[in-house]
Amino acid sequence: MANQLTDQDVLKLAKLSRLIIKPEELKMFKKDINEVLDFVSMLDEVEVTEIKPTNQVTGLQNVTRLDQPTDYNYSADLFLNASKFDNGYLVVPKIIDEN
């Protein structure tokens, strides 16, 4: 059995998690968190020294394309769908009220 959390530990954990715990919920959360910690502590009892580490099991390898620069003029394509453009710039409606 792992060390049991105190009320102060649970309140600190809640604060770090930006959770608000009501006083009547404290006992329930303390019990639940301690049960999870007890369950996780059981992993310390498993003998794994002879087991080879596994970081993935599917056999897939990273499939990516090379990061090569392309000579493509994106702005010309943008203007095809633009309703307004002026001097090489897209013209969009004003959305900020200066008042």
N, C-alpha and C. Protein backbone atom coordinates (compact mmCIF):
# COMPACT_ATOMS: atom_id res chain seq x y z
N MET A 1 0.84 -1.18 0.00
CA MET A 1 0.00 0.00 0.00
C MET A 1 0.89 1.25 0.00
N ALA A 2 0.61 2.18 -0.87
CA ALA A 2 1.38 3.41 -0.99
C ALA A 2 1.05 4.34 0.17
N ASN A 3 1.90 5.35 0.36
CA ASN A 3 1.61 6.36 1.37
C ASN A 3 0.28 7.02 1.05
N GLN A 4 -0.51 7.22 2.07
CA GLN A 4 -1.82 7.83 1.88
C GLN A 4 -1.69 9.35 1.82
N LEU A 5 -2.45 9.97 0.94
CA LEU A 5 -2.47 11.42 0.84
C LEU A 5 -3.26 12.02 1.98
N THR A 6 -2.83 13.17 2.43
CA THR A 6 -3.56 13.90 3.47
C THR A 6 -4.55 14.85 2.82
N ASP A 7 -5.40 15.45 3.65
CA ASP A 7 -6.34 16.44 3.12
C ASP A 7 -5.59 17.59 2.46
N GLN A 8 -4.47 18.00 3.07
CA GLN A 8 -3.69 19.10 2.51
C GLN A 8 -3.10 18.72 1.16
N ASP A 9 -2.68 17.45 1.01
CA ASP A 9 -2.15 16.99 -0.28
C ASP A 9 -3.21 17.06 -1.37
N VAL A 10 -4.42 16.65 -1.03
CA VAL A 10 -5.52 16.66 -2.01
C VAL A 10 -5.87 18.09 -2.38
N LEU A 11 -5.90 18.98 -1.39
CA LEU A 11 -6.22 20.39 -1.67
C LEU A 11 -5.13 21.03 -2.53
N LYS A 12 -3.87 20.68 -2.27
CA LYS A 12 -2.78 21.22 -3.09
C LYS A 12 -2.87 20.69 -4.52
N LEU A 13 -3.15 19.39 -4.65
CA LEU A 13 -3.32 18.81 -5.98
C LEU A 13 -4.48 19.47 -6.73
N ALA A 14 -5.56 19.73 -6.03
CA ALA A 14 -6.70 20.42 -6.65
C ALA A 14 -6.32 21.82 -7.09
N LYS A 15 -5.57 22.51 -6.26
CA LYS A 15 -5.14 23.88 -6.62
C LYS A 15 -4.25 23.86 -7.85
N LEU A 16 -3.29 22.92 -7.88
CA LEU A 16 -2.40 22.81 -9.05
C LEU A 16 -3.17 22.44 -10.30
N SER A 17 -4.26 21.69 -10.13
CA SER A 17 -5.09 21.27 -11.26
C SER A 17 -6.17 22.29 -11.59
N ARG A 18 -6.18 23.37 -10.82
CA ARG A 18 -7.18 24.43 -10.97
C ARG A 18 -8.60 23.89 -10.85
N LEU A 19 -8.78 23.04 -9.84
CA LEU A 19 -10.09 22.49 -9.53
C LEU A 19 -10.56 23.06 -8.21
N ILE A 20 -11.84 23.26 -8.10
CA ILE A 20 -12.42 23.72 -6.85
C ILE A 20 -13.10 22.53 -6.20
N ILE A 21 -12.61 22.15 -5.02
CA ILE A 21 -13.18 21.03 -4.29
C ILE A 21 -13.94 21.58 -3.09
N LYS A 22 -15.20 21.24 -3.01
CA LYS A 22 -16.02 21.65 -1.87
C LYS A 22 -15.61 20.81 -0.66
N PRO A 23 -15.76 21.36 0.54
CA PRO A 23 -15.38 20.61 1.75
C PRO A 23 -16.04 19.24 1.84
N GLU A 24 -17.28 19.12 1.39
CA GLU A 24 -17.97 17.82 1.47
C GLU A 24 -17.44 16.83 0.43
N GLU A 25 -16.72 17.31 -0.58
CA GLU A 25 -16.15 16.43 -1.61
C GLU A 25 -14.74 15.95 -1.26
N LEU A 26 -14.11 16.62 -0.31
CA LEU A 26 -12.71 16.33 0.01
C LEU A 26 -12.50 14.87 0.39
N LYS A 27 -13.35 14.35 1.25
CA LYS A 27 -13.20 12.97 1.71
C LYS A 27 -13.31 11.98 0.54
N MET A 28 -14.29 12.23 -0.36
CA MET A 28 -14.49 11.35 -1.51
C MET A 28 -13.27 11.38 -2.44
N PHE A 29 -12.76 12.59 -2.75
CA PHE A 29 -11.61 12.71 -3.63
C PHE A 29 -10.37 12.07 -3.00
N LYS A 30 -10.20 12.29 -1.70
CA LYS A 30 -9.06 11.71 -1.00
C LYS A 30 -9.09 10.18 -1.10
N LYS A 31 -10.27 9.60 -0.88
CA LYS A 31 -10.43 8.14 -0.96
C LYS A 31 -10.14 7.66 -2.39
N ASP A 32 -10.72 8.32 -3.38
CA ASP A 32 -10.55 7.91 -4.77
C ASP A 32 -9.10 8.01 -5.23
N ILE A 33 -8.45 9.11 -4.90
CA ILE A 33 -7.05 9.30 -5.32
C ILE A 33 -6.16 8.26 -4.65
N ASN A 34 -6.39 8.01 -3.37
CA ASN A 34 -5.59 7.00 -2.66
C ASN A 34 -5.79 5.61 -3.25
N GLU A 35 -7.01 5.29 -3.69
CA GLU A 35 -7.26 3.99 -4.33
C GLU A 35 -6.49 3.88 -5.64
N VAL A 36 -6.46 4.96 -6.41
CA VAL A 36 -5.71 4.95 -7.67
C VAL A 36 -4.21 4.77 -7.39
N LEU A 37 -3.70 5.49 -6.40
CA LEU A 37 -2.28 5.37 -6.06
C LEU A 37 -1.95 3.97 -5.56
N ASP A 38 -2.85 3.37 -4.80
CA ASP A 38 -2.63 1.99 -4.33
C ASP A 38 -2.58 1.03 -5.52
N PHE A 39 -3.48 1.23 -6.47
CA PHE A 39 -3.51 0.37 -7.66
C PHE A 39 -2.21 0.51 -8.46
N VAL A 40 -1.77 1.76 -8.65
CA VAL A 40 -0.55 2.00 -9.42
C VAL A 40 0.66 1.45 -8.68
N SER A 41 0.65 1.51 -7.36
CA SER A 41 1.80 1.01 -6.59
C SER A 41 1.96 -0.50 -6.76
N MET A 42 0.90 -1.19 -7.15
CA MET A 42 1.01 -2.63 -7.39
C MET A 42 1.97 -2.92 -8.55
N LEU A 43 2.18 -1.96 -9.43
CA LEU A 43 3.10 -2.16 -10.55
C LEU A 43 4.53 -2.35 -10.06
N ASP A 44 4.86 -1.80 -8.88
CA ASP A 44 6.20 -1.98 -8.33
C ASP A 44 6.49 -3.44 -8.00
N GLU A 45 5.46 -4.22 -7.81
CA GLU A 45 5.63 -5.62 -7.43
C GLU A 45 5.85 -6.53 -8.64
N VAL A 46 5.64 -6.05 -9.83
CA VAL A 46 5.77 -6.86 -11.03
C VAL A 46 7.25 -6.97 -11.40
N GLU A 47 7.70 -8.19 -11.66
CA GLU A 47 9.10 -8.43 -12.04
C GLU A 47 9.25 -8.19 -13.55
N VAL A 48 10.04 -7.19 -13.92
CA VAL A 48 10.19 -6.83 -15.33
C VAL A 48 11.65 -6.79 -15.77
N THR A 49 12.56 -7.27 -14.96
CA THR A 49 13.98 -7.15 -15.31
C THR A 49 14.34 -7.95 -16.56
N GLU A 50 13.64 -9.02 -16.85
CA GLU A 50 13.95 -9.86 -18.01
C GLU A 50 13.12 -9.50 -19.24
N ILE A 51 12.29 -8.50 -19.14
CA ILE A 51 11.41 -8.13 -20.25
C ILE A 51 12.06 -7.01 -21.06
N LYS A 52 12.13 -7.23 -22.36
CA LYS A 52 12.71 -6.24 -23.26
C LYS A 52 11.76 -5.04 -23.39
N PRO A 53 12.28 -3.82 -23.27
CA PRO A 53 11.42 -2.63 -23.40
C PRO A 53 10.76 -2.56 -24.78
N THR A 54 9.53 -2.13 -24.81
CA THR A 54 8.78 -2.00 -26.05
C THR A 54 8.28 -0.57 -26.16
N ASN A 55 8.63 0.10 -27.24
CA ASN A 55 8.12 1.46 -27.41
C ASN A 55 7.01 1.54 -28.45
N GLN A 56 6.84 0.49 -29.23
CA GLN A 56 5.69 0.40 -30.12
C GLN A 56 5.58 -1.03 -30.61
N VAL A 57 4.37 -1.47 -30.91
CA VAL A 57 4.15 -2.90 -31.17
C VAL A 57 3.64 -3.20 -32.58
N THR A 58 3.36 -2.19 -33.38
CA THR A 58 2.75 -2.44 -34.68
C THR A 58 3.76 -2.75 -35.77
N GLY A 59 5.03 -2.37 -35.56
CA GLY A 59 6.03 -2.58 -36.59
C GLY A 59 6.07 -1.47 -37.63
N LEU A 60 5.18 -0.50 -37.50
CA LEU A 60 5.17 0.61 -38.44
C LEU A 60 6.37 1.51 -38.19
N GLN A 61 6.86 2.08 -39.26
CA GLN A 61 7.95 3.02 -39.14
C GLN A 61 7.44 4.39 -39.53
N ASN A 62 8.18 5.39 -39.12
CA ASN A 62 7.80 6.76 -39.42
C ASN A 62 7.78 6.97 -40.94
N VAL A 63 6.63 7.35 -41.46
CA VAL A 63 6.48 7.55 -42.89
C VAL A 63 6.22 9.04 -43.12
N THR A 64 7.26 9.73 -43.52
CA THR A 64 7.13 11.16 -43.76
C THR A 64 7.81 11.50 -45.07
N ARG A 65 7.45 12.61 -45.59
CA ARG A 65 8.11 13.08 -46.80
C ARG A 65 9.31 13.93 -46.40
N LEU A 66 10.25 14.09 -47.29
CA LEU A 66 11.38 14.96 -47.04
C LEU A 66 10.90 16.40 -46.99
N ASP A 67 11.51 17.17 -46.15
CA ASP A 67 11.14 18.57 -46.01
C ASP A 67 11.94 19.37 -47.04
N GLN A 68 11.39 19.42 -48.24
CA GLN A 68 12.06 20.10 -49.34
C GLN A 68 11.29 21.37 -49.69
N PRO A 69 12.00 22.47 -49.91
CA PRO A 69 11.30 23.69 -50.33
C PRO A 69 10.74 23.51 -51.74
N THR A 70 9.60 24.12 -51.97
CA THR A 70 9.00 24.06 -53.30
C THR A 70 8.94 25.46 -53.88
N ASP A 71 9.00 25.54 -55.15
CA ASP A 71 8.90 26.82 -55.83
C ASP A 71 7.47 26.96 -56.30
N TYR A 72 6.63 27.47 -55.44
CA TYR A 72 5.21 27.56 -55.75
C TYR A 72 4.70 28.91 -55.30
N ASN A 73 3.95 29.59 -56.12
CA ASN A 73 3.43 30.91 -55.81
C ASN A 73 2.03 30.76 -55.22
N TYR A 74 1.94 30.70 -53.89
CA TYR A 74 0.66 30.52 -53.22
C TYR A 74 -0.24 31.75 -53.37
N SER A 75 0.36 32.93 -53.43
CA SER A 75 -0.45 34.14 -53.47
C SER A 75 -1.31 34.21 -54.74
N ALA A 76 -0.81 33.70 -55.84
CA ALA A 76 -1.59 33.73 -57.07
C ALA A 76 -2.86 32.89 -56.91
N ASP A 77 -2.76 31.75 -56.24
CA ASP A 77 -3.93 30.92 -56.00
C ASP A 77 -4.90 31.58 -55.03
N LEU A 78 -4.37 32.31 -54.06
CA LEU A 78 -5.24 33.01 -53.11
C LEU A 78 -6.12 34.03 -53.83
N PHE A 79 -5.56 34.71 -54.77
CA PHE A 79 -6.30 35.75 -55.46
C PHE A 79 -7.39 35.19 -56.36
N LEU A 80 -7.29 33.93 -56.75
CA LEU A 80 -8.32 33.33 -57.59
C LEU A 80 -9.68 33.32 -56.88
N ASN A 81 -9.68 33.12 -55.57
CA ASN A 81 -10.93 33.04 -54.80
C ASN A 81 -11.23 34.31 -54.01
N ALA A 82 -10.37 35.29 -54.09
CA ALA A 82 -10.57 36.52 -53.32
C ALA A 82 -11.62 37.39 -53.98
N SER A 83 -12.47 37.98 -53.12
CA SER A 83 -13.47 38.88 -53.68
C SER A 83 -12.86 40.24 -54.00
N LYS A 84 -11.84 40.66 -53.19
CA LYS A 84 -11.17 41.94 -53.46
C LYS A 84 -9.68 41.78 -53.17
N PHE A 85 -8.90 42.44 -54.00
CA PHE A 85 -7.48 42.52 -53.72
C PHE A 85 -6.96 43.81 -54.32
N ASP A 86 -5.90 44.33 -53.69
CA ASP A 86 -5.37 45.62 -54.11
C ASP A 86 -3.86 45.61 -53.91
N ASN A 87 -3.13 45.87 -54.96
CA ASN A 87 -1.68 45.99 -54.89
C ASN A 87 -1.00 44.74 -54.31
N GLY A 88 -1.51 43.58 -54.63
CA GLY A 88 -0.91 42.35 -54.14
C GLY A 88 -1.37 41.93 -52.76
N TYR A 89 -2.37 42.61 -52.20
CA TYR A 89 -2.87 42.29 -50.86
C TYR A 89 -4.35 41.96 -50.93
N LEU A 90 -4.77 41.03 -50.08
CA LEU A 90 -6.19 40.74 -49.97
C LEU A 90 -6.86 41.86 -49.21
N VAL A 91 -8.04 42.24 -49.63
CA VAL A 91 -8.81 43.27 -48.95
C VAL A 91 -9.95 42.56 -48.23
N VAL A 92 -10.01 42.74 -46.90
CA VAL A 92 -11.03 42.09 -46.09
C VAL A 92 -11.82 43.15 -45.34
N PRO A 93 -13.05 42.83 -44.90
CA PRO A 93 -13.82 43.80 -44.17
C PRO A 93 -13.19 44.13 -42.82
N LYS A 94 -13.39 45.35 -42.40
CA LYS A 94 -12.88 45.80 -41.11
C LYS A 94 -13.67 45.10 -40.01
N ILE A 95 -12.98 44.56 -39.00
CA ILE A 95 -13.69 43.85 -37.95
C ILE A 95 -13.45 44.44 -36.56
N ILE A 96 -12.57 45.43 -36.45
CA ILE A 96 -12.28 46.04 -35.16
C ILE A 96 -12.95 47.41 -35.09
N ASP A 97 -13.74 47.60 -34.05
CA ASP A 97 -14.42 48.87 -33.84
C ASP A 97 -13.48 49.78 -33.07
N GLU A 98 -13.20 50.96 -33.60
CA GLU A 98 -12.25 51.86 -32.97
C GLU A 98 -12.86 52.66 -31.83
N ASN A 99 -14.13 52.53 -31.58
CA ASN A 99 -14.78 53.27 -30.49
C ASN A 99 -14.56 52.63 -29.17
